[in-house]
All heavy atoms as atom14 arrays in JSON, in Angstrom:
{
  "sequence": "SWNGANTYYTDSVKGRFTISRDNAKNTVYLQMNSLKPEDTGVYYCA",
  "atom14_mask": [
    [1, 1, 1, 1, 1, 1, 0, 0, 0, 0, 0, 0, 0, 0],
    [1, 1, 1, 1, 1, 1, 1, 1, 1, 1, 1, 1, 1, 1],
    [1, 1, 1, 1, 1, 1, 1, 1, 0, 0, 0, 0, 0, 0],
    [1, 1, 1, 1, 0, 0, 0, 0, 0, 0, 0, 0, 0, 0],
    [1, 1, 1, 1, 1, 0, 0, 0, 0, 0, 0, 0, 0, 0],
    [1, 1, 1, 1, 1, 1, 1, 1, 0, 0, 0, 0, 0, 0],
    [1, 1, 1, 1, 1, 1, 1, 0, 0, 0, 0, 0, 0, 0],
    [1, 1, 1, 1, 1, 1, 1, 1, 1, 1, 1, 1, 0, 0],
    [1, 1, 1, 1, 1, 1, 1, 1, 1, 1, 1, 1, 0, 0],
    [1, 1, 1, 1, 1, 1, 1, 0, 0, 0, 0, 0, 0, 0],
    [1, 1, 1, 1, 1, 1, 1, 1, 0, 0, 0, 0, 0, 0],
    [1, 1, 1, 1, 1, 1, 0, 0, 0, 0, 0, 0, 0, 0],
    [1, 1, 1, 1, 1, 1, 1, 0, 0, 0, 0, 0, 0, 0],
    [1, 1, 1, 1, 1, 1, 1, 1, 1, 0, 0, 0, 0, 0],
    [1, 1, 1, 1, 0, 0, 0, 0, 0, 0, 0, 0, 0, 0],
    [1, 1, 1, 1, 1, 1, 1, 1, 1, 1, 1, 0, 0, 0],
    [1, 1, 1, 1, 1, 1, 1, 1, 1, 1, 1, 0, 0, 0],
    [1, 1, 1, 1, 1, 1, 1, 0, 0, 0, 0, 0, 0, 0],
    [1, 1, 1, 1, 1, 1, 1, 1, 0, 0, 0, 0, 0, 0],
    [1, 1, 1, 1, 1, 1, 0, 0, 0, 0, 0, 0, 0, 0],
    [1, 1, 1, 1, 1, 1, 1, 1, 1, 1, 1, 0, 0, 0],
    [1, 1, 1, 1, 1, 1, 1, 1, 0, 0, 0, 0, 0, 0],
    [1, 1, 1, 1, 1, 1, 1, 1, 0, 0, 0, 0, 0, 0],
    [1, 1, 1, 1, 1, 0, 0, 0, 0, 0, 0, 0, 0, 0],
    [1, 1, 1, 1, 1, 1, 1, 1, 1, 0, 0, 0, 0, 0],
    [1, 1, 1, 1, 1, 1, 1, 1, 0, 0, 0, 0, 0, 0],
    [1, 1, 1, 1, 1, 1, 1, 0, 0, 0, 0, 0, 0, 0],
    [1, 1, 1, 1, 1, 1, 1, 0, 0, 0, 0, 0, 0, 0],
    [1, 1, 1, 1, 1, 1, 1, 1, 1, 1, 1, 1, 0, 0],
    [1, 1, 1, 1, 1, 1, 1, 1, 0, 0, 0, 0, 0, 0],
    [1, 1, 1, 1, 1, 1, 1, 1, 1, 0, 0, 0, 0, 0],
    [1, 1, 1, 1, 1, 1, 1, 1, 0, 0, 0, 0, 0, 0],
    [1, 1, 1, 1, 1, 1, 1, 1, 0, 0, 0, 0, 0, 0],
    [1, 1, 1, 1, 1, 1, 0, 0, 0, 0, 0, 0, 0, 0],
    [1, 1, 1, 1, 1, 1, 1, 1, 0, 0, 0, 0, 0, 0],
    [1, 1, 1, 1, 1, 1, 1, 1, 1, 0, 0, 0, 0, 0],
    [1, 1, 1, 1, 1, 1, 1, 0, 0, 0, 0, 0, 0, 0],
    [1, 1, 1, 1, 1, 1, 1, 1, 1, 0, 0, 0, 0, 0],
    [1, 1, 1, 1, 1, 1, 1, 1, 0, 0, 0, 0, 0, 0],
    [1, 1, 1, 1, 1, 1, 1, 0, 0, 0, 0, 0, 0, 0],
    [1, 1, 1, 1, 0, 0, 0, 0, 0, 0, 0, 0, 0, 0],
    [1, 1, 1, 1, 1, 1, 1, 0, 0, 0, 0, 0, 0, 0],
    [1, 1, 1, 1, 1, 1, 1, 1, 1, 1, 1, 1, 0, 0],
    [1, 1, 1, 1, 1, 1, 1, 1, 1, 1, 1, 1, 0, 0],
    [1, 1, 1, 1, 1, 1, 0, 0, 0, 0, 0, 0, 0, 0],
    [1, 1, 1, 1, 1, 0, 0, 0, 0, 0, 0, 0, 0, 0]
  ],
  "atom14_positions": [
    [[-13.73, -40.28, -90.7], [-13.4, -38.91, -90.36], [-14.46, -38.31, -89.45], [-15.55, -38.86, -89.29], [-13.24, -38.06, -91.63], [-14.44, -38.06, -92.39], [0.0, 0.0, 0.0], [0.0, 0.0, 0.0], [0.0, 0.0, 0.0], [0.0, 0.0, 0.0], [0.0, 0.0, 0.0], [0.0, 0.0, 0.0], [0.0, 0.0, 0.0], [0.0, 0.0, 0.0]],
    [[-14.15, -37.15, -88.88], [-15.05, -36.54, -87.9], [-16.42, -36.23, -88.47], [-17.42, -36.28, -87.74], [-14.42, -35.26, -87.33], [-14.32, -34.13, -88.31], [-13.3, -33.88, -89.18], [-15.3, -33.11, -88.52], [-13.58, -32.75, -89.93], [-14.8, -32.26, -89.54], [-16.54, -32.82, -87.95], [-15.51, -31.15, -90.0], [-17.25, -31.71, -88.42], [-16.73, -30.89, -89.42]],
    [[-16.49, -35.91, -89.77], [-17.77, -35.58, -90.39], [-18.36, -36.75, -91.17], [-19.4, -36.59, -91.81], [-17.63, -34.36, -91.3], [-16.66, -34.57, -92.44], [-16.07, -35.64, -92.59], [-16.48, -33.54, -93.26], [0.0, 0.0, 0.0], [0.0, 0.0, 0.0], [0.0, 0.0, 0.0], [0.0, 0.0, 0.0], [0.0, 0.0, 0.0], [0.0, 0.0, 0.0]],
    [[-17.71, -37.9, -91.13], [-18.21, -39.07, -91.82], [-17.97, -39.1, -93.3], [-18.39, -40.05, -93.97], [0.0, 0.0, 0.0], [0.0, 0.0, 0.0], [0.0, 0.0, 0.0], [0.0, 0.0, 0.0], [0.0, 0.0, 0.0], [0.0, 0.0, 0.0], [0.0, 0.0, 0.0], [0.0, 0.0, 0.0], [0.0, 0.0, 0.0], [0.0, 0.0, 0.0]],
    [[-17.29, -38.1, -93.85], [-17.1, -38.01, -95.29], [-16.08, -39.01, -95.83], [-16.16, -39.39, -97.0], [-16.68, -36.6, -95.68], [0.0, 0.0, 0.0], [0.0, 0.0, 0.0], [0.0, 0.0, 0.0], [0.0, 0.0, 0.0], [0.0, 0.0, 0.0], [0.0, 0.0, 0.0], [0.0, 0.0, 0.0], [0.0, 0.0, 0.0], [0.0, 0.0, 0.0]],
    [[-15.14, -39.41, -95.0], [-14.07, -40.28, -95.44], [-14.01, -41.53, -94.58], [-14.04, -41.45, -93.35], [-12.73, -39.56, -95.4], [-12.71, -38.3, -96.22], [-12.66, -37.18, -95.69], [-12.76, -38.46, -97.54], [0.0, 0.0, 0.0], [0.0, 0.0, 0.0], [0.0, 0.0, 0.0], [0.0, 0.0, 0.0], [0.0, 0.0, 0.0], [0.0, 0.0, 0.0]],
    [[-13.91, -42.67, -95.24], [-13.72, -43.94, -94.55], [-12.56, -44.68, -95.18], [-12.27, -44.51, -96.37], [-14.98, -44.82, -94.58], [-15.36, -45.05, -95.95], [-16.13, -44.14, -93.86], [0.0, 0.0, 0.0], [0.0, 0.0, 0.0], [0.0, 0.0, 0.0], [0.0, 0.0, 0.0], [0.0, 0.0, 0.0], [0.0, 0.0, 0.0], [0.0, 0.0, 0.0]],
    [[-11.91, -45.51, -94.39], [-10.74, -46.25, -94.85], [-10.8, -47.64, -94.23], [-10.7, -47.78, -93.01], [-9.47, -45.5, -94.45], [-8.17, -46.2, -94.73], [-8.01, -47.04, -95.82], [-7.07, -45.99, -93.89], [-6.8, -47.67, -96.07], [-5.86, -46.61, -94.13], [-5.72, -47.45, -95.22], [-4.52, -48.06, -95.47], [0.0, 0.0, 0.0], [0.0, 0.0, 0.0]],
    [[-10.95, -48.66, -95.06], [-11.07, -50.04, -94.62], [-9.83, -50.84, -94.98], [-9.28, -50.69, -96.08], [-12.26, -50.73, -95.27], [-13.62, -50.18, -94.91], [-14.14, -49.08, -95.58], [-14.39, -50.78, -93.92], [-15.39, -48.59, -95.26], [-15.65, -50.3, -93.6], [-16.14, -49.2, -94.27], [-17.39, -48.71, -93.96], [0.0, 0.0, 0.0], [0.0, 0.0, 0.0]],
    [[-9.42, -51.72, -94.09], [-8.38, -52.67, -94.45], [-8.97, -53.65, -95.47], [-10.16, -53.93, -95.47], [-7.84, -53.4, -93.21], [-6.64, -54.09, -93.54], [-8.84, -54.39, -92.66], [0.0, 0.0, 0.0], [0.0, 0.0, 0.0], [0.0, 0.0, 0.0], [0.0, 0.0, 0.0], [0.0, 0.0, 0.0], [0.0, 0.0, 0.0], [0.0, 0.0, 0.0]],
    [[-8.12, -54.16, -96.35], [-8.6, -54.97, -97.48], [-9.41, -56.19, -97.05], [-10.37, -56.57, -97.73], [-7.42, -55.42, -98.34], [-6.83, -54.31, -99.17], [-7.49, -53.27, -99.33], [-5.71, -54.49, -99.67], [0.0, 0.0, 0.0], [0.0, 0.0, 0.0], [0.0, 0.0, 0.0], [0.0, 0.0, 0.0], [0.0, 0.0, 0.0], [0.0, 0.0, 0.0]],
    [[-9.06, -56.8, -95.95], [-9.69, -58.05, -95.55], [-11.15, -57.9, -95.14], [-11.87, -58.89, -95.08], [-8.9, -58.7, -94.42], [-8.91, -57.9, -93.26], [0.0, 0.0, 0.0], [0.0, 0.0, 0.0], [0.0, 0.0, 0.0], [0.0, 0.0, 0.0], [0.0, 0.0, 0.0], [0.0, 0.0, 0.0], [0.0, 0.0, 0.0], [0.0, 0.0, 0.0]],
    [[-11.61, -56.67, -94.86], [-13.0, -56.48, -94.43], [-13.83, -55.69, -95.42], [-15.04, -55.52, -95.2], [-13.07, -55.8, -93.04], [-12.23, -56.56, -92.03], [-12.65, -54.34, -93.11], [0.0, 0.0, 0.0], [0.0, 0.0, 0.0], [0.0, 0.0, 0.0], [0.0, 0.0, 0.0], [0.0, 0.0, 0.0], [0.0, 0.0, 0.0], [0.0, 0.0, 0.0]],
    [[-13.24, -55.24, -96.51], [-13.98, -54.47, -97.5], [-15.13, -55.29, -98.06], [-14.97, -56.45, -98.41], [-13.06, -54.03, -98.64], [-12.09, -52.93, -98.26], [-11.22, -52.55, -99.44], [-10.26, -51.44, -99.07], [-9.35, -51.09, -100.2], [0.0, 0.0, 0.0], [0.0, 0.0, 0.0], [0.0, 0.0, 0.0], [0.0, 0.0, 0.0], [0.0, 0.0, 0.0]],
    [[-16.3, -54.66, -98.15], [-17.48, -55.34, -98.64], [-18.24, -56.12, -97.6], [-19.36, -56.55, -97.85], [0.0, 0.0, 0.0], [0.0, 0.0, 0.0], [0.0, 0.0, 0.0], [0.0, 0.0, 0.0], [0.0, 0.0, 0.0], [0.0, 0.0, 0.0], [0.0, 0.0, 0.0], [0.0, 0.0, 0.0], [0.0, 0.0, 0.0], [0.0, 0.0, 0.0]],
    [[-17.65, -56.3, -96.41], [-18.29, -57.05, -95.34], [-18.6, -56.18, -94.12], [-19.62, -56.36, -93.47], [-17.42, -58.23, -94.9], [-17.14, -59.23, -96.01], [-16.46, -60.49, -95.46], [-15.16, -60.19, -94.87], [-14.84, -60.41, -93.59], [-15.74, -60.95, -92.77], [-13.63, -60.13, -93.14], [0.0, 0.0, 0.0], [0.0, 0.0, 0.0], [0.0, 0.0, 0.0]],
    [[-17.7, -55.25, -93.8], [-17.86, -54.38, -92.63], [-18.24, -52.98, -93.08], [-17.79, -52.51, -94.14], [-16.57, -54.29, -91.83], [-16.16, -55.55, -91.11], [-16.78, -56.76, -91.35], [-15.14, -55.5, -90.18], [-16.4, -57.92, -90.68], [-14.74, -56.64, -89.5], [-15.37, -57.85, -89.75], [0.0, 0.0, 0.0], [0.0, 0.0, 0.0], [0.0, 0.0, 0.0]],
    [[-19.02, -52.28, -92.27], [-19.39, -50.91, -92.54], [-19.3, -50.09, -91.26], [-19.89, -50.45, -90.25], [-20.82, -50.81, -93.09], [-20.95, -51.6, -94.28], [-21.16, -49.35, -93.43], [0.0, 0.0, 0.0], [0.0, 0.0, 0.0], [0.0, 0.0, 0.0], [0.0, 0.0, 0.0], [0.0, 0.0, 0.0], [0.0, 0.0, 0.0], [0.0, 0.0, 0.0]],
    [[-18.55, -48.99, -91.31], [-18.46, -48.09, -90.18], [-19.4, -46.91, -90.4], [-19.59, -46.46, -91.53], [-17.01, -47.6, -89.96], [-16.87, -46.87, -88.62], [-16.53, -46.73, -91.11], [-15.43, -46.56, -88.22], [0.0, 0.0, 0.0], [0.0, 0.0, 0.0], [0.0, 0.0, 0.0], [0.0, 0.0, 0.0], [0.0, 0.0, 0.0], [0.0, 0.0, 0.0]],
    [[-19.99, -46.42, -89.33], [-20.83, -45.24, -89.39], [-20.74, -44.52, -88.05], [-20.29, -45.09, -87.06], [-22.28, -45.61, -89.72], [-22.83, -46.45, -88.72], [0.0, 0.0, 0.0], [0.0, 0.0, 0.0], [0.0, 0.0, 0.0], [0.0, 0.0, 0.0], [0.0, 0.0, 0.0], [0.0, 0.0, 0.0], [0.0, 0.0, 0.0], [0.0, 0.0, 0.0]],
    [[-21.17, -43.27, -88.04], [-21.18, -42.52, -86.79], [-22.41, -41.64, -86.71], [-22.91, -41.15, -87.72], [-19.89, -41.71, -86.61], [-19.69, -40.56, -87.58], [-18.29, -39.97, -87.45], [-18.04, -39.44, -86.12], [-16.84, -39.09, -85.65], [-15.76, -39.24, -86.42], [-16.72, -38.61, -84.42], [0.0, 0.0, 0.0], [0.0, 0.0, 0.0], [0.0, 0.0, 0.0]],
    [[-22.88, -41.46, -85.51], [-24.0, -40.59, -85.22], [-23.5, -39.59, -84.2], [-23.46, -39.87, -83.0], [-25.19, -41.39, -84.69], [-26.42, -40.54, -84.5], [-26.31, -39.3, -84.4], [-27.53, -41.11, -84.45], [0.0, 0.0, 0.0], [0.0, 0.0, 0.0], [0.0, 0.0, 0.0], [0.0, 0.0, 0.0], [0.0, 0.0, 0.0], [0.0, 0.0, 0.0]],
    [[-23.09, -38.42, -84.67], [-22.5, -37.44, -83.78], [-23.49, -36.89, -82.75], [-23.09, -36.47, -81.67], [-21.89, -36.29, -84.58], [-20.61, -36.69, -85.3], [-20.01, -37.72, -84.98], [-20.2, -35.9, -86.27], [0.0, 0.0, 0.0], [0.0, 0.0, 0.0], [0.0, 0.0, 0.0], [0.0, 0.0, 0.0], [0.0, 0.0, 0.0], [0.0, 0.0, 0.0]],
    [[-24.78, -36.89, -83.1], [-25.78, -36.44, -82.14], [-25.84, -37.36, -80.94], [-26.19, -36.93, -79.83], [-27.15, -36.35, -82.81], [0.0, 0.0, 0.0], [0.0, 0.0, 0.0], [0.0, 0.0, 0.0], [0.0, 0.0, 0.0], [0.0, 0.0, 0.0], [0.0, 0.0, 0.0], [0.0, 0.0, 0.0], [0.0, 0.0, 0.0], [0.0, 0.0, 0.0]],
    [[-25.5, -38.64, -81.14], [-25.49, -39.61, -80.06], [-24.08, -39.89, -79.55], [-23.91, -40.71, -78.65], [-26.13, -40.92, -80.51], [-27.59, -40.81, -80.88], [-28.16, -42.16, -81.3], [-29.64, -42.05, -81.62], [-30.2, -43.37, -82.04], [0.0, 0.0, 0.0], [0.0, 0.0, 0.0], [0.0, 0.0, 0.0], [0.0, 0.0, 0.0], [0.0, 0.0, 0.0]],
    [[-23.08, -39.24, -80.14], [-21.68, -39.48, -79.79], [-21.34, -40.96, -79.84], [-20.7, -41.5, -78.93], [-21.38, -38.92, -78.4], [-21.5, -37.41, -78.33], [-22.29, -36.88, -77.56], [-20.72, -36.72, -79.14], [0.0, 0.0, 0.0], [0.0, 0.0, 0.0], [0.0, 0.0, 0.0], [0.0, 0.0, 0.0], [0.0, 0.0, 0.0], [0.0, 0.0, 0.0]],
    [[-21.75, -41.6, -80.92], [-21.59, -43.04, -81.05], [-21.09, -43.4, -82.44], [-21.54, -42.83, -83.43], [-22.9, -43.78, -80.77], [-23.37, -43.45, -79.45], [-22.71, -45.29, -80.85], [0.0, 0.0, 0.0], [0.0, 0.0, 0.0], [0.0, 0.0, 0.0], [0.0, 0.0, 0.0], [0.0, 0.0, 0.0], [0.0, 0.0, 0.0], [0.0, 0.0, 0.0]],
    [[-20.17, -44.35, -82.5], [-19.71, -44.91, -83.76], [-20.07, -46.39, -83.77], [-20.07, -47.05, -82.72], [-18.19, -44.69, -83.96], [-17.39, -45.42, -82.9], [-17.77, -45.11, -85.36], [0.0, 0.0, 0.0], [0.0, 0.0, 0.0], [0.0, 0.0, 0.0], [0.0, 0.0, 0.0], [0.0, 0.0, 0.0], [0.0, 0.0, 0.0], [0.0, 0.0, 0.0]],
    [[-20.42, -46.91, -84.94], [-20.87, -48.28, -85.08], [-19.98, -49.03, -86.06], [-19.41, -48.45, -86.98], [-22.31, -48.34, -85.58], [-23.29, -47.58, -84.74], [-23.65, -46.27, -85.06], [-23.87, -48.16, -83.61], [-24.55, -45.57, -84.29], [-24.77, -47.46, -82.84], [-25.11, -46.17, -83.17], [-26.02, -45.48, -82.4], [0.0, 0.0, 0.0], [0.0, 0.0, 0.0]],
    [[-19.9, -50.33, -85.87], [-19.26, -51.21, -86.84], [-20.2, -52.37, -87.12], [-20.38, -53.24, -86.28], [-17.91, -51.73, -86.33], [-17.14, -52.63, -87.3], [-16.76, -51.85, -88.56], [-15.9, -53.21, -86.64], [0.0, 0.0, 0.0], [0.0, 0.0, 0.0], [0.0, 0.0, 0.0], [0.0, 0.0, 0.0], [0.0, 0.0, 0.0], [0.0, 0.0, 0.0]],
    [[-20.81, -52.35, -88.3], [-21.67, -53.44, -88.74], [-20.79, -54.47, -89.43], [-20.12, -54.16, -90.41], [-22.74, -52.94, -89.7], [-23.66, -54.02, -90.24], [-24.53, -54.63, -89.16], [-25.13, -53.91, -88.37], [-24.59, -55.96, -89.13], [0.0, 0.0, 0.0], [0.0, 0.0, 0.0], [0.0, 0.0, 0.0], [0.0, 0.0, 0.0], [0.0, 0.0, 0.0]],
    [[-20.8, -55.69, -88.92], [-19.96, -56.76, -89.44], [-20.84, -57.86, -89.99], [-21.59, -58.5, -89.24], [-19.04, -57.31, -88.35], [-18.19, -56.23, -87.68], [-17.0, -56.92, -86.49], [-18.13, -57.57, -85.26], [0.0, 0.0, 0.0], [0.0, 0.0, 0.0], [0.0, 0.0, 0.0], [0.0, 0.0, 0.0], [0.0, 0.0, 0.0], [0.0, 0.0, 0.0]],
    [[-20.77, -58.08, -91.29], [-21.54, -59.12, -91.96], [-20.6, -60.17, -92.54], [-19.41, -59.94, -92.71], [-22.39, -58.52, -93.08], [-23.39, -57.52, -92.59], [-23.95, -57.65, -91.5], [-23.68, -56.51, -93.42], [0.0, 0.0, 0.0], [0.0, 0.0, 0.0], [0.0, 0.0, 0.0], [0.0, 0.0, 0.0], [0.0, 0.0, 0.0], [0.0, 0.0, 0.0]],
    [[-21.16, -61.32, -92.88], [-20.39, -62.42, -93.47], [-19.13, -62.71, -92.68], [-18.02, -62.83, -93.23], [-20.05, -62.09, -94.93], [-21.22, -61.88, -95.69], [0.0, 0.0, 0.0], [0.0, 0.0, 0.0], [0.0, 0.0, 0.0], [0.0, 0.0, 0.0], [0.0, 0.0, 0.0], [0.0, 0.0, 0.0], [0.0, 0.0, 0.0], [0.0, 0.0, 0.0]],
    [[-19.27, -62.82, -91.37], [-18.12, -63.0, -90.5], [-17.4, -64.32, -90.75], [-18.02, -65.33, -91.06], [-18.56, -62.91, -89.04], [-18.81, -61.49, -88.55], [-19.64, -61.5, -87.28], [-17.49, -60.76, -88.31], [0.0, 0.0, 0.0], [0.0, 0.0, 0.0], [0.0, 0.0, 0.0], [0.0, 0.0, 0.0], [0.0, 0.0, 0.0], [0.0, 0.0, 0.0]],
    [[-16.09, -64.27, -90.6], [-15.22, -65.41, -90.81], [-14.46, -65.72, -89.52], [-14.25, -64.82, -88.7], [-14.22, -65.13, -91.92], [-14.84, -64.74, -93.25], [-13.77, -64.35, -94.26], [-14.38, -63.96, -95.59], [-13.34, -63.55, -96.57], [0.0, 0.0, 0.0], [0.0, 0.0, 0.0], [0.0, 0.0, 0.0], [0.0, 0.0, 0.0], [0.0, 0.0, 0.0]],
    [[-14.02, -66.96, -89.32], [-13.25, -67.27, -88.11], [-12.02, -66.37, -87.93], [-11.67, -66.05, -86.79], [-12.83, -68.73, -88.33], [-13.94, -69.29, -89.16], [-14.32, -68.17, -90.1], [0.0, 0.0, 0.0], [0.0, 0.0, 0.0], [0.0, 0.0, 0.0], [0.0, 0.0, 0.0], [0.0, 0.0, 0.0], [0.0, 0.0, 0.0], [0.0, 0.0, 0.0]],
    [[-11.4, -65.94, -89.0], [-10.24, -65.08, -88.89], [-10.57, -63.66, -88.43], [-9.67, -62.87, -88.17], [-9.47, -65.02, -90.22], [-10.33, -64.7, -91.43], [-10.75, -65.94, -92.19], [-11.16, -66.94, -91.55], [-10.67, -65.92, -93.44], [0.0, 0.0, 0.0], [0.0, 0.0, 0.0], [0.0, 0.0, 0.0], [0.0, 0.0, 0.0], [0.0, 0.0, 0.0]],
    [[-11.86, -63.34, -88.31], [-12.27, -62.06, -87.74], [-12.26, -62.08, -86.21], [-12.46, -61.05, -85.58], [-13.67, -61.68, -88.21], [-13.74, -61.41, -89.7], [-12.83, -60.76, -90.24], [-14.73, -61.84, -90.33], [0.0, 0.0, 0.0], [0.0, 0.0, 0.0], [0.0, 0.0, 0.0], [0.0, 0.0, 0.0], [0.0, 0.0, 0.0], [0.0, 0.0, 0.0]],
    [[-12.03, -63.24, -85.63], [-12.03, -63.39, -84.18], [-10.95, -62.53, -83.53], [-9.81, -62.48, -84.01], [-11.83, -64.86, -83.79], [-12.97, -65.61, -84.2], [-11.65, -65.02, -82.29], [0.0, 0.0, 0.0], [0.0, 0.0, 0.0], [0.0, 0.0, 0.0], [0.0, 0.0, 0.0], [0.0, 0.0, 0.0], [0.0, 0.0, 0.0], [0.0, 0.0, 0.0]],
    [[-11.29, -61.87, -82.45], [-10.33, -61.07, -81.71], [-11.03, -60.09, -80.79], [-12.25, -60.01, -80.75], [0.0, 0.0, 0.0], [0.0, 0.0, 0.0], [0.0, 0.0, 0.0], [0.0, 0.0, 0.0], [0.0, 0.0, 0.0], [0.0, 0.0, 0.0], [0.0, 0.0, 0.0], [0.0, 0.0, 0.0], [0.0, 0.0, 0.0], [0.0, 0.0, 0.0]],
    [[-10.23, -59.34, -80.05], [-10.75, -58.26, -79.23], [-10.78, -57.01, -80.09], [-9.76, -56.61, -80.67], [-9.9, -58.02, -77.98], [-10.44, -56.85, -77.17], [-9.85, -59.28, -77.12], [0.0, 0.0, 0.0], [0.0, 0.0, 0.0], [0.0, 0.0, 0.0], [0.0, 0.0, 0.0], [0.0, 0.0, 0.0], [0.0, 0.0, 0.0], [0.0, 0.0, 0.0]],
    [[-11.94, -56.39, -80.19], [-12.12, -55.19, -80.99], [-12.08, -53.96, -80.11], [-12.79, -53.88, -79.1], [-13.44, -55.27, -81.76], [-13.35, -56.15, -82.98], [-13.19, -57.53, -82.84], [-13.42, -55.62, -84.27], [-13.08, -58.34, -83.95], [-13.32, -56.43, -85.38], [-13.15, -57.8, -85.22], [-13.06, -58.61, -86.33], [0.0, 0.0, 0.0], [0.0, 0.0, 0.0]],
    [[-11.26, -52.99, -80.51], [-11.07, -51.76, -79.75], [-11.52, -50.56, -80.56], [-11.21, -50.44, -81.75], [-9.59, -51.56, -79.39], [-9.01, -52.63, -78.5], [-8.38, -53.74, -79.03], [-9.07, -52.5, -77.12], [-7.83, -54.71, -78.22], [-8.52, -53.47, -76.29], [-7.9, -54.57, -76.85], [-7.35, -55.53, -76.04], [0.0, 0.0, 0.0], [0.0, 0.0, 0.0]],
    [[-12.2, -49.66, -79.92], [-12.56, -48.37, -80.49], [-11.48, -47.36, -80.11], [-10.94, -47.4, -79.01], [-13.92, -47.93, -79.94], [-14.51, -46.35, -80.55], [0.0, 0.0, 0.0], [0.0, 0.0, 0.0], [0.0, 0.0, 0.0], [0.0, 0.0, 0.0], [0.0, 0.0, 0.0], [0.0, 0.0, 0.0], [0.0, 0.0, 0.0], [0.0, 0.0, 0.0]],
    [[-11.14, -46.47, -81.05], [-10.1, -45.47, -80.81], [-10.52, -44.12, -81.39], [-11.28, -44.06, -82.36], [-8.78, -45.92, -81.43], [0.0, 0.0, 0.0], [0.0, 0.0, 0.0], [0.0, 0.0, 0.0], [0.0, 0.0, 0.0], [0.0, 0.0, 0.0], [0.0, 0.0, 0.0], [0.0, 0.0, 0.0], [0.0, 0.0, 0.0], [0.0, 0.0, 0.0]]
  ]
}
């Protein structure tokens, strides 16, 4: 969410991926740990 209070993860990445945002920098991040071959793809920000 815009204020970072709410996050919603698809089941396949829960516990491995973490989203965060720094509004002062106008930047959102996706930390991806324990990556699997099925995570392969083009990742888009929206």
